[in-house]
Amino acid sequence: MTKCSPTHTHVPLYQYSLLLELWYTDTIISKMLTNLLSEKKTISFAGCLLQTYFFHSLGASECYLLTAMAYDQYLAIYWPLHYLAIMTPTHCMKMAAGCWTCGLTTARTEVIMVSQLPFCGYNEIKHIFCDFPPLLTLACKDTTTNVLVDFTINAFIIIITFLFIMVSYGRIIWTILKMKTTAGRKKAFSTCSSHLIVVLIFFGSIIFMYLWLKKSYSLIIDRTLAVVYSVLTPLVNPIIYSLRNKELIKSIKRTIFQKGKRVSATHH
C-alpha cells in the first residue's frame, strides 16, 4: 500500500460494510423466500417486531457506515500523507463498531411504541416484509404520535448523515479540482465515484420513503422502494465497488472476449 494512494481508502471499512449488508438483506430475504415457498404466509407479532427492529437498526447502521466511508475518502484525498497514520486498522474497527452500536440503538423507541398499540380484526400486512408504515395501518388507535416519532427519528438520522456526506464530498471535489495533473484528478474521481453512486442510490430511496409524512402509502410505490433499498442496493454495492478494480475489469473483458471467440468459431 502506497502512502499517498487514495485507491485503498475505503477497503477496510468496505469489508465491514459487506458484513453489515449481508446481515441487513438476510433480515428480509430469508423470511421472504420462506413465504414464497409456503402456502401459509404468516409471521408472529414478536417476529414481525423483531424483523422491523433489525431492518431499521441495520439500515441506520448503513447510513452511519456510509458516512464514515465518506470521511475515509476525505482523509485519503485531503490529507494523503497523514492517512495511514490516522486510519489505522484499529481506528477503522472502532469506527465500524461505533456505527453498528449507534444503529442498533436507533429503533428501540419506535418498536416499543408499536408493541403497545392495540391491533384488532384480520391483521394482514400488505407488504413484502414487516415495517412501521404497514404495521401502523393495522392499529385500532390513532397513530399520529407514532408517525411523528418515526418521521423525527428517520429525518434526524437520514438528513444529518446525508449532509455530512455531501459536505465531505464538497471538500473532496474542491481538493480534486485544485490538483495540477489531469491524471491525478481522474484517479481521485474514479476512487470516489463508486461510493458516491452507492450513497445516491441508497439515500435517494430512503429519503423518498421515510421522510414522506403520511400514515398511508401507495402499495406499489412502497413495495418498489422497499425492494430498491433492502435488496437491490446491497446487491449492486459489491458490483459497483468491484468495478474500480482494474484486475477484475481485465478479467471480465478477457472472459467476454474468449466467449465471443468461441461463439464466432461455432458459427463458422
C-alpha atoms as a PDB file:
ATOM      1  CA  MET A   1       0.000   0.000   0.000  1.00  0.00           C
ATOM      2  CA  THR A   2       1.455   3.346  -1.000  1.00  0.00           C
ATOM      3  CA  LYS A   3       1.314   6.241   1.380  1.00  0.00           C
ATOM      4  CA  CYS A   4      -0.406   8.707  -0.900  1.00  0.00           C
ATOM      5  CA  SER A   5      -2.629   6.489  -2.972  1.00  0.00           C
ATOM      6  CA  PRO A   6      -6.349   7.053  -2.414  1.00  0.00           C
ATOM      7  CA  THR A   7      -7.221   3.837  -4.221  1.00  0.00           C
ATOM      8  CA  HIS A   8      -7.070   1.874  -0.955  1.00  0.00           C
ATOM      9  CA  THR A   9      -9.089   4.327   1.107  1.00  0.00           C
ATOM     10  CA  HIS A  10     -12.374   2.556   1.649  1.00  0.00           C
ATOM     11  CA  VAL A  11     -11.243  -1.075   1.606  1.00  0.00           C
ATOM     12  CA  PRO A  12     -11.067  -1.658   5.398  1.00  0.00           C
ATOM     13  CA  LEU A  13     -14.431  -0.002   6.074  1.00  0.00           C
ATOM     14  CA  TYR A  14     -15.929  -1.628   2.999  1.00  0.00           C
ATOM     15  CA  GLN A  15     -15.139  -5.045   4.476  1.00  0.00           C
ATOM     16  CA  TYR A  16     -17.290  -4.124   7.469  1.00  0.00           C
ATOM     17  CA  SER A  17     -19.915  -2.778   5.069  1.00  0.00           C
ATOM     18  CA  LEU A  18     -20.113  -6.142   3.307  1.00  0.00           C
ATOM     19  CA  LEU A  19     -20.781  -7.919   6.604  1.00  0.00           C
ATOM     20  CA  LEU A  20     -23.446  -5.362   7.504  1.00  0.00           C
ATOM     21  CA  GLU A  21     -25.191  -5.693   4.122  1.00  0.00           C
ATOM     22  CA  LEU A  22     -25.267  -9.493   4.375  1.00  0.00           C
ATOM     23  CA  TRP A  23     -26.981  -9.235   7.747  1.00  0.00           C
ATOM     24  CA  TYR A  24     -29.217  -6.409   6.506  1.00  0.00           C
ATOM     25  CA  THR A  25     -30.537  -8.339   3.496  1.00  0.00           C
ATOM     26  CA  ASP A  26     -30.834 -11.613   5.426  1.00  0.00           C
ATOM     27  CA  THR A  27     -33.246  -9.896   7.825  1.00  0.00           C
ATOM     28  CA  ILE A  28     -35.706  -9.587   4.932  1.00  0.00           C
ATOM     29  CA  ILE A  29     -34.753 -12.169   2.302  1.00  0.00           C
ATOM     30  CA  SER A  30     -34.802 -15.291   4.495  1.00  0.00           C
ATOM     31  CA  LYS A  31     -38.418 -14.805   5.597  1.00  0.00           C
ATOM     32  CA  MET A  32     -39.442 -13.586   2.146  1.00  0.00           C
ATOM     33  CA  LEU A  33     -38.124 -16.752   0.499  1.00  0.00           C
ATOM     34  CA  THR A  34     -39.826 -18.886   3.143  1.00  0.00           C
ATOM     35  CA  ASN A  35     -43.156 -17.219   2.379  1.00  0.00           C
ATOM     36  CA  LEU A  36     -42.697 -17.729  -1.351  1.00  0.00           C
ATOM     37  CA  LEU A  37     -42.223 -21.461  -0.819  1.00  0.00           C
ATOM     38  CA  SER A  38     -45.085 -21.942   1.645  1.00  0.00           C
ATOM     39  CA  GLU A  39     -48.833 -21.680   1.191  1.00  0.00           C
ATOM     40  CA  LYS A  40     -49.416 -20.153   4.619  1.00  0.00           C
ATOM     41  CA  LYS A  41     -47.557 -16.848   4.704  1.00  0.00           C
ATOM     42  CA  THR A  42     -47.568 -15.883   8.371  1.00  0.00           C
ATOM     43  CA  ILE A  43     -45.280 -14.307  10.928  1.00  0.00           C
ATOM     44  CA  SER A  44     -45.759 -13.941  14.672  1.00  0.00           C
ATOM     45  CA  PHE A  45     -46.226 -10.493  16.179  1.00  0.00           C
ATOM     46  CA  ALA A  46     -42.955 -10.830  18.094  1.00  0.00           C
ATOM     47  CA  GLY A  47     -41.201 -11.997  14.928  1.00  0.00           C
ATOM     48  CA  CYS A  48     -42.660  -9.078  12.999  1.00  0.00           C
ATOM     49  CA  LEU A  49     -41.419  -6.573  15.585  1.00  0.00           C
ATOM     50  CA  LEU A  50     -38.020  -8.257  15.644  1.00  0.00           C
ATOM     51  CA  GLN A  51     -37.738  -8.089  11.854  1.00  0.00           C
ATOM     52  CA  THR A  52     -38.768  -4.428  11.892  1.00  0.00           C
ATOM     53  CA  TYR A  53     -36.251  -3.640  14.621  1.00  0.00           C
ATOM     54  CA  PHE A  54     -33.284  -5.239  12.860  1.00  0.00           C
ATOM     55  CA  PHE A  55     -34.308  -3.837   9.485  1.00  0.00           C
ATOM     56  CA  HIS A  56     -34.378  -0.253  10.785  1.00  0.00           C
ATOM     57  CA  SER A  57     -31.387  -0.651  13.082  1.00  0.00           C
ATOM     58  CA  LEU A  58     -29.179  -2.120  10.368  1.00  0.00           C
ATOM     59  CA  GLY A  59     -30.467   0.457   7.897  1.00  0.00           C
ATOM     60  CA  ALA A  60     -29.391   3.198  10.323  1.00  0.00           C
ATOM     61  CA  SER A  61     -26.030   1.452  10.728  1.00  0.00           C
ATOM     62  CA  GLU A  62     -25.679   1.553   6.937  1.00  0.00           C
ATOM     63  CA  CYS A  63     -26.258   5.322   6.990  1.00  0.00           C
ATOM     64  CA  TYR A  64     -23.593   5.778   9.644  1.00  0.00           C
ATOM     65  CA  LEU A  65     -21.140   3.483   7.878  1.00  0.00           C
ATOM     66  CA  LEU A  66     -21.584   5.243   4.524  1.00  0.00           C
ATOM     67  CA  THR A  67     -20.872   8.490   6.374  1.00  0.00           C
ATOM     68  CA  ALA A  68     -17.722   7.004   7.903  1.00  0.00           C
ATOM     69  CA  MET A  69     -16.629   5.857   4.441  1.00  0.00           C
ATOM     70  CA  ALA A  70     -17.131   9.414   3.118  1.00  0.00           C
ATOM     71  CA  TYR A  71     -14.894  10.663   5.927  1.00  0.00           C
ATOM     72  CA  ASP A  72     -12.393   7.976   4.969  1.00  0.00           C
ATOM     73  CA  GLN A  73     -12.404   9.197   1.353  1.00  0.00           C
ATOM     74  CA  TYR A  74     -11.985  12.775   2.537  1.00  0.00           C
ATOM     75  CA  LEU A  75      -8.938  11.922   4.637  1.00  0.00           C
ATOM     76  CA  ALA A  76      -7.313   9.976   1.809  1.00  0.00           C
ATOM     77  CA  ILE A  77      -7.637  12.828  -0.682  1.00  0.00           C
ATOM     78  CA  TYR A  78      -7.377  15.888   1.582  1.00  0.00           C
ATOM     79  CA  TRP A  79      -4.674  14.517   3.929  1.00  0.00           C
ATOM     80  CA  PRO A  80      -2.939  11.780   1.881  1.00  0.00           C
ATOM     81  CA  LEU A  81       0.378  11.974   3.773  1.00  0.00           C
ATOM     82  CA  HIS A  82      -1.364  11.515   7.133  1.00  0.00           C
ATOM     83  CA  TYR A  83      -3.935   8.956   6.006  1.00  0.00           C
ATOM     84  CA  LEU A  84      -2.155   5.782   7.112  1.00  0.00           C
ATOM     85  CA  ALA A  85      -1.310   7.320  10.477  1.00  0.00           C
ATOM     86  CA  ILE A  86      -4.961   8.279  11.090  1.00  0.00           C
ATOM     87  CA  MET A  87      -6.931   5.411   9.514  1.00  0.00           C
ATOM     88  CA  THR A  88      -5.219   2.505  11.214  1.00  0.00           C
ATOM     89  CA  PRO A  89      -6.932  -0.919  11.283  1.00  0.00           C
ATOM     90  CA  THR A  90      -7.790  -0.346  14.936  1.00  0.00           C
ATOM     91  CA  HIS A  91      -9.344   3.039  14.159  1.00  0.00           C
ATOM     92  CA  CYS A  92     -11.361   1.500  11.301  1.00  0.00           C
ATOM     93  CA  MET A  93     -12.610  -1.222  13.645  1.00  0.00           C
ATOM     94  CA  LYS A  94     -13.643   1.360  16.247  1.00  0.00           C
ATOM     95  CA  MET A  95     -15.463   3.432  13.622  1.00  0.00           C
ATOM     96  CA  ALA A  96     -17.338   0.369  12.335  1.00  0.00           C
ATOM     97  CA  ALA A  97     -18.217  -0.707  15.899  1.00  0.00           C
ATOM     98  CA  GLY A  98     -19.468   2.804  16.636  1.00  0.00           C
ATOM     99  CA  CYS A  99     -21.660   2.777  13.519  1.00  0.00           C
ATOM    100  CA  TRP A 100     -23.185  -0.577  14.465  1.00  0.00           C
ATOM    101  CA  THR A 101     -23.714   0.421  18.100  1.00  0.00           C
ATOM    102  CA  CYS A 102     -25.444   3.689  17.188  1.00  0.00           C
ATOM    103  CA  GLY A 103     -27.563   1.884  14.601  1.00  0.00           C
ATOM    104  CA  LEU A 104     -28.685  -0.894  16.945  1.00  0.00           C
ATOM    105  CA  THR A 105     -29.966   1.632  19.491  1.00  0.00           C
ATOM    106  CA  THR A 106     -31.941   3.612  16.912  1.00  0.00           C
ATOM    107  CA  ALA A 107     -35.242   1.765  16.509  1.00  0.00           C
ATOM    108  CA  ARG A 108     -35.885   0.811  20.137  1.00  0.00           C
ATOM    109  CA  THR A 109     -38.280   3.693  20.847  1.00  0.00           C
ATOM    110  CA  GLU A 110     -40.345   3.063  17.716  1.00  0.00           C
ATOM    111  CA  VAL A 111     -40.581  -0.692  18.355  1.00  0.00           C
ATOM    112  CA  ILE A 112     -41.643  -0.173  21.981  1.00  0.00           C
ATOM    113  CA  MET A 113     -44.337   2.313  20.920  1.00  0.00           C
ATOM    114  CA  VAL A 114     -45.683  -0.025  18.215  1.00  0.00           C
ATOM    115  CA  SER A 115     -45.697  -3.008  20.598  1.00  0.00           C
ATOM    116  CA  GLN A 116     -48.066  -1.082  22.895  1.00  0.00           C
ATOM    117  CA  LEU A 117     -50.632  -0.368  20.173  1.00  0.00           C
ATOM    118  CA  PRO A 118     -53.910  -2.354  20.121  1.00  0.00           C
ATOM    119  CA  PHE A 119     -54.430  -4.497  16.998  1.00  0.00           C
ATOM    120  CA  CYS A 120     -57.777  -5.971  16.110  1.00  0.00           C
ATOM    121  CA  GLY A 121     -59.524  -7.739  13.267  1.00  0.00           C
ATOM    122  CA  TYR A 122     -57.815  -9.573  10.418  1.00  0.00           C
ATOM    123  CA  ASN A 123     -54.190  -8.439  10.707  1.00  0.00           C
ATOM    124  CA  GLU A 124     -52.833  -8.810   7.205  1.00  0.00           C
ATOM    125  CA  ILE A 125     -49.731  -6.825   6.300  1.00  0.00           C
ATOM    126  CA  LYS A 126     -49.978  -5.746   2.692  1.00  0.00           C
ATOM    127  CA  HIS A 127     -46.243  -5.618   2.234  1.00  0.00           C
ATOM    128  CA  ILE A 128     -43.342  -7.929   1.420  1.00  0.00           C
ATOM    129  CA  PHE A 129     -41.962  -7.645   4.971  1.00  0.00           C
ATOM    130  CA  CYS A 130     -42.736  -6.077   8.353  1.00  0.00           C
ATOM    131  CA  ASP A 131     -42.175  -2.346   8.573  1.00  0.00           C
ATOM    132  CA  PHE A 132     -43.560   0.531  10.639  1.00  0.00           C
ATOM    133  CA  PRO A 133     -45.892   2.111   7.999  1.00  0.00           C
ATOM    134  CA  PRO A 134     -47.841  -1.092   7.186  1.00  0.00           C
ATOM    135  CA  LEU A 135     -47.962  -2.040  10.882  1.00  0.00           C
ATOM    136  CA  LEU A 136     -49.451   1.326  11.820  1.00  0.00           C
ATOM    137  CA  THR A 137     -52.275   0.882   9.321  1.00  0.00           C
ATOM    138  CA  LEU A 138     -53.428  -2.195  11.287  1.00  0.00           C
ATOM    139  CA  ALA A 139     -53.686  -0.429  14.654  1.00  0.00           C
ATOM    140  CA  CYS A 140     -57.122   0.208  16.191  1.00  0.00           C
ATOM    141  CA  LYS A 141     -55.981   3.525  17.591  1.00  0.00           C
ATOM    142  CA  ASP A 142     -54.843   6.899  16.341  1.00  0.00           C
ATOM    143  CA  THR A 143     -51.168   6.551  15.377  1.00  0.00           C
ATOM    144  CA  THR A 144     -50.340  10.214  14.735  1.00  0.00           C
ATOM    145  CA  THR A 145     -47.787  10.202  17.568  1.00  0.00           C
ATOM    146  CA  ASN A 146     -46.132   7.070  16.158  1.00  0.00           C
ATOM    147  CA  VAL A 147     -45.936   8.628  12.697  1.00  0.00           C
ATOM    148  CA  LEU A 148     -44.364  11.810  14.093  1.00  0.00           C
ATOM    149  CA  VAL A 149     -41.841   9.897  16.206  1.00  0.00           C
ATOM    150  CA  ASP A 150     -40.948   7.670  13.252  1.00  0.00           C
ATOM    151  CA  PHE A 151     -40.572  10.716  10.998  1.00  0.00           C
ATOM    152  CA  THR A 152     -38.456  12.636  13.536  1.00  0.00           C
ATOM    153  CA  ILE A 153     -36.023   9.784  14.180  1.00  0.00           C
ATOM    154  CA  ASN A 154     -35.661   8.917  10.495  1.00  0.00           C
ATOM    155  CA  ALA A 155     -35.317  12.569   9.493  1.00  0.00           C
ATOM    156  CA  PHE A 156     -32.596  13.163  12.056  1.00  0.00           C
ATOM    157  CA  ILE A 157     -30.541  10.133  11.006  1.00  0.00           C
ATOM    158  CA  ILE A 158     -31.002  10.483   7.251  1.00  0.00           C
ATOM    159  CA  ILE A 159     -30.593  14.267   6.974  1.00  0.00           C
ATOM    160  CA  ILE A 160     -27.617  14.532   9.338  1.00  0.00           C
ATOM    161  CA  THR A 161     -25.685  11.659   7.756  1.00  0.00           C
ATOM    162  CA  PHE A 162     -26.522  12.719   4.192  1.00  0.00           C
ATOM    163  CA  LEU A 163     -25.488  16.329   4.849  1.00  0.00           C
ATOM    164  CA  PHE A 164     -22.227  15.164   6.406  1.00  0.00           C
ATOM    165  CA  ILE A 165     -21.528  13.023   3.338  1.00  0.00           C
ATOM    166  CA  MET A 166     -22.296  15.926   0.980  1.00  0.00           C
ATOM    167  CA  VAL A 167     -20.040  18.273   2.964  1.00  0.00           C
ATOM    168  CA  SER A 168     -17.258  15.687   2.808  1.00  0.00           C
ATOM    169  CA  TYR A 169     -17.679  15.347  -0.945  1.00  0.00           C
ATOM    170  CA  GLY A 170     -17.784  19.116  -1.335  1.00  0.00           C
ATOM    171  CA  ARG A 171     -14.326  19.293   0.248  1.00  0.00           C
ATOM    172  CA  ILE A 172     -13.190  16.296  -1.800  1.00  0.00           C
ATOM    173  CA  ILE A 173     -14.315  17.839  -5.106  1.00  0.00           C
ATOM    174  CA  TRP A 174     -12.733  21.165  -4.199  1.00  0.00           C
ATOM    175  CA  THR A 175      -9.456  19.399  -3.436  1.00  0.00           C
ATOM    176  CA  ILE A 176      -9.598  17.374  -6.669  1.00  0.00           C
ATOM    177  CA  LEU A 177     -10.243  20.468  -8.792  1.00  0.00           C
ATOM    178  CA  LYS A 178      -7.126  22.088  -7.324  1.00  0.00           C
ATOM    179  CA  MET A 179      -4.935  19.166  -8.412  1.00  0.00           C
ATOM    180  CA  LYS A 180      -2.448  20.190 -11.094  1.00  0.00           C
ATOM    181  CA  THR A 181      -2.406  16.990 -13.156  1.00  0.00           C
ATOM    182  CA  THR A 182      -5.294  15.567 -15.170  1.00  0.00           C
ATOM    183  CA  ALA A 183      -4.210  12.023 -14.299  1.00  0.00           C
ATOM    184  CA  GLY A 184      -4.369  12.843 -10.597  1.00  0.00           C
ATOM    185  CA  ARG A 185      -7.854  14.333 -10.887  1.00  0.00           C
ATOM    186  CA  LYS A 186      -9.091  11.372 -12.928  1.00  0.00           C
ATOM    187  CA  LYS A 187      -7.679   8.883 -10.437  1.00  0.00           C
ATOM    188  CA  ALA A 188      -9.221  10.714  -7.482  1.00  0.00           C
ATOM    189  CA  PHE A 189     -12.636  10.967  -9.152  1.00  0.00           C
ATOM    190  CA  SER A 190     -12.615   7.269 -10.043  1.00  0.00           C
ATOM    191  CA  THR A 191     -11.775   6.446  -6.424  1.00  0.00           C
ATOM    192  CA  CYS A 192     -14.779   8.347  -5.065  1.00  0.00           C
ATOM    193  CA  SER A 193     -17.303   7.627  -7.806  1.00  0.00           C
ATOM    194  CA  SER A 194     -18.252   4.109  -6.649  1.00  0.00           C
ATOM    195  CA  HIS A 195     -19.024   5.191  -3.088  1.00  0.00           C
ATOM    196  CA  LEU A 196     -20.926   8.253  -4.301  1.00  0.00           C
ATOM    197  CA  ILE A 197     -23.118   6.115  -6.605  1.00  0.00           C
ATOM    198  CA  VAL A 198     -23.981   3.806  -3.698  1.00  0.00           C
ATOM    199  CA  VAL A 199     -24.797   6.812  -1.493  1.00  0.00           C
ATOM    200  CA  LEU A 200     -27.129   8.357  -4.079  1.00  0.00           C
ATOM    201  CA  ILE A 201     -28.997   5.083  -4.709  1.00  0.00           C
ATOM    202  CA  PHE A 202     -29.394   4.229  -1.023  1.00  0.00           C
ATOM    203  CA  PHE A 203     -30.241   7.684   0.303  1.00  0.00           C
ATOM    204  CA  GLY A 204     -32.392   8.541  -2.704  1.00  0.00           C
ATOM    205  CA  SER A 205     -34.767   5.664  -1.985  1.00  0.00           C
ATOM    206  CA  ILE A 206     -34.933   6.007   1.803  1.00  0.00           C
ATOM    207  CA  ILE A 207     -35.357   9.794   1.699  1.00  0.00           C
ATOM    208  CA  PHE A 208     -38.403   9.409  -0.534  1.00  0.00           C
ATOM    209  CA  MET A 209     -39.755   6.551   1.572  1.00  0.00           C
ATOM    210  CA  TYR A 210     -39.193   7.558   5.185  1.00  0.00           C
ATOM    211  CA  LEU A 211     -39.360  11.346   5.032  1.00  0.00           C
ATOM    212  CA  TRP A 212     -42.819  11.260   3.490  1.00  0.00           C
ATOM    213  CA  LEU A 213     -45.000  12.371   6.420  1.00  0.00           C
ATOM    214  CA  LYS A 214     -48.202  10.398   5.986  1.00  0.00           C
ATOM    215  CA  LYS A 215     -49.849   7.416   7.580  1.00  0.00           C
ATOM    216  CA  SER A 216     -50.703   5.509   4.397  1.00  0.00           C
ATOM    217  CA  TYR A 217     -48.531   4.841   1.367  1.00  0.00           C
ATOM    218  CA  SER A 218     -49.127   3.713  -2.180  1.00  0.00           C
ATOM    219  CA  LEU A 219     -48.710  -0.057  -2.026  1.00  0.00           C
ATOM    220  CA  ILE A 220     -46.924  -0.289  -5.382  1.00  0.00           C
ATOM    221  CA  ILE A 221     -44.513   2.570  -4.610  1.00  0.00           C
ATOM    222  CA  ASP A 222     -43.952   1.240  -1.095  1.00  0.00           C
ATOM    223  CA  ARG A 223     -43.040  -2.253  -2.307  1.00  0.00           C
ATOM    224  CA  THR A 224     -40.891  -0.970  -5.176  1.00  0.00           C
ATOM    225  CA  LEU A 225     -38.843   1.322  -2.947  1.00  0.00           C
ATOM    226  CA  ALA A 226     -38.577  -1.399  -0.321  1.00  0.00           C
ATOM    227  CA  VAL A 227     -37.027  -3.754  -2.885  1.00  0.00           C
ATOM    228  CA  VAL A 228     -34.624  -1.000  -4.018  1.00  0.00           C
ATOM    229  CA  TYR A 229     -33.135  -0.158  -0.625  1.00  0.00           C
ATOM    230  CA  SER A 230     -33.461  -3.562   1.060  1.00  0.00           C
ATOM    231  CA  VAL A 231     -32.472  -5.906  -1.795  1.00  0.00           C
ATOM    232  CA  LEU A 232     -31.252  -4.105  -4.912  1.00  0.00           C
ATOM    233  CA  THR A 233     -28.870  -1.628  -3.261  1.00  0.00           C
ATOM    234  CA  PRO A 234     -26.992  -4.208  -1.123  1.00  0.00           C
ATOM    235  CA  LEU A 235     -26.884  -6.497  -4.180  1.00  0.00           C
ATOM    236  CA  VAL A 236     -25.308  -3.952  -6.522  1.00  0.00           C
ATOM    237  CA  ASN A 237     -22.971  -2.405  -3.931  1.00  0.00           C
ATOM    238  CA  PRO A 238     -20.253  -5.091  -4.281  1.00  0.00           C
ATOM    239  CA  ILE A 239     -20.583  -4.870  -8.072  1.00  0.00           C
ATOM    240  CA  ILE A 240     -20.234  -1.068  -8.069  1.00  0.00           C
ATOM    241  CA  TYR A 241     -17.210  -1.153  -5.774  1.00  0.00           C
ATOM    242  CA  SER A 242     -15.615  -4.002  -7.733  1.00  0.00           C
ATOM    243  CA  LEU A 243     -15.783  -2.025 -10.981  1.00  0.00           C
ATOM    244  CA  ARG A 244     -12.902   0.065  -9.618  1.00  0.00           C
ATOM    245  CA  ASN A 245     -10.679  -2.999  -9.534  1.00  0.00           C
ATOM    246  CA  LYS A 246      -8.620  -2.925 -12.729  1.00  0.00           C
ATOM    247  CA  GLU A 247      -7.682  -6.584 -12.485  1.00  0.00           C
ATOM    248  CA  LEU A 248     -11.341  -7.554 -12.215  1.00  0.00           C
ATOM    249  CA  ILE A 249     -12.242  -5.419 -15.240  1.00  0.00           C
ATOM    250  CA  LYS A 250      -9.460  -7.033 -17.266  1.00  0.00           C
ATOM    251  CA  SER A 251     -10.655 -10.490 -16.200  1.00  0.00           C
ATOM    252  CA  ILE A 252     -14.250  -9.701 -17.231  1.00  0.00           C
ATOM    253  CA  LYS A 253     -13.138  -8.349 -20.600  1.00  0.00           C
ATOM    254  CA  ARG A 254     -10.917 -11.374 -21.146  1.00  0.00           C
ATOM    255  CA  THR A 255     -13.788 -13.750 -20.308  1.00  0.00           C
ATOM    256  CA  ILE A 256     -16.214 -11.934 -22.618  1.00  0.00           C
ATOM    257  CA  PHE A 257     -13.645 -11.865 -25.414  1.00  0.00           C
ATOM    258  CA  GLN A 258     -12.931 -15.595 -25.074  1.00  0.00           C
ATOM    259  CA  LYS A 259     -16.652 -16.436 -25.089  1.00  0.00           C
ATOM    260  CA  GLY A 260     -17.089 -14.229 -28.155  1.00  0.00           C
ATOM    261  CA  LYS A 261     -14.323 -16.100 -29.947  1.00  0.00           C
ATOM    262  CA  ARG A 262     -15.916 -19.467 -29.069  1.00  0.00           C
ATOM    263  CA  VAL A 263     -19.320 -18.323 -30.316  1.00  0.00           C
ATOM    264  CA  SER A 264     -17.758 -16.998 -33.514  1.00  0.00           C
ATOM    265  CA  ALA A 265     -15.911 -20.263 -34.061  1.00  0.00           C
ATOM    266  CA  THR A 266     -19.129 -22.235 -33.516  1.00  0.00           C
ATOM    267  CA  HIS A 267     -20.944 -20.206 -36.179  1.00  0.00           C
ATOM    268  CA  HIS A 268     -18.165 -20.873 -38.689  1.00  0.00           C
END
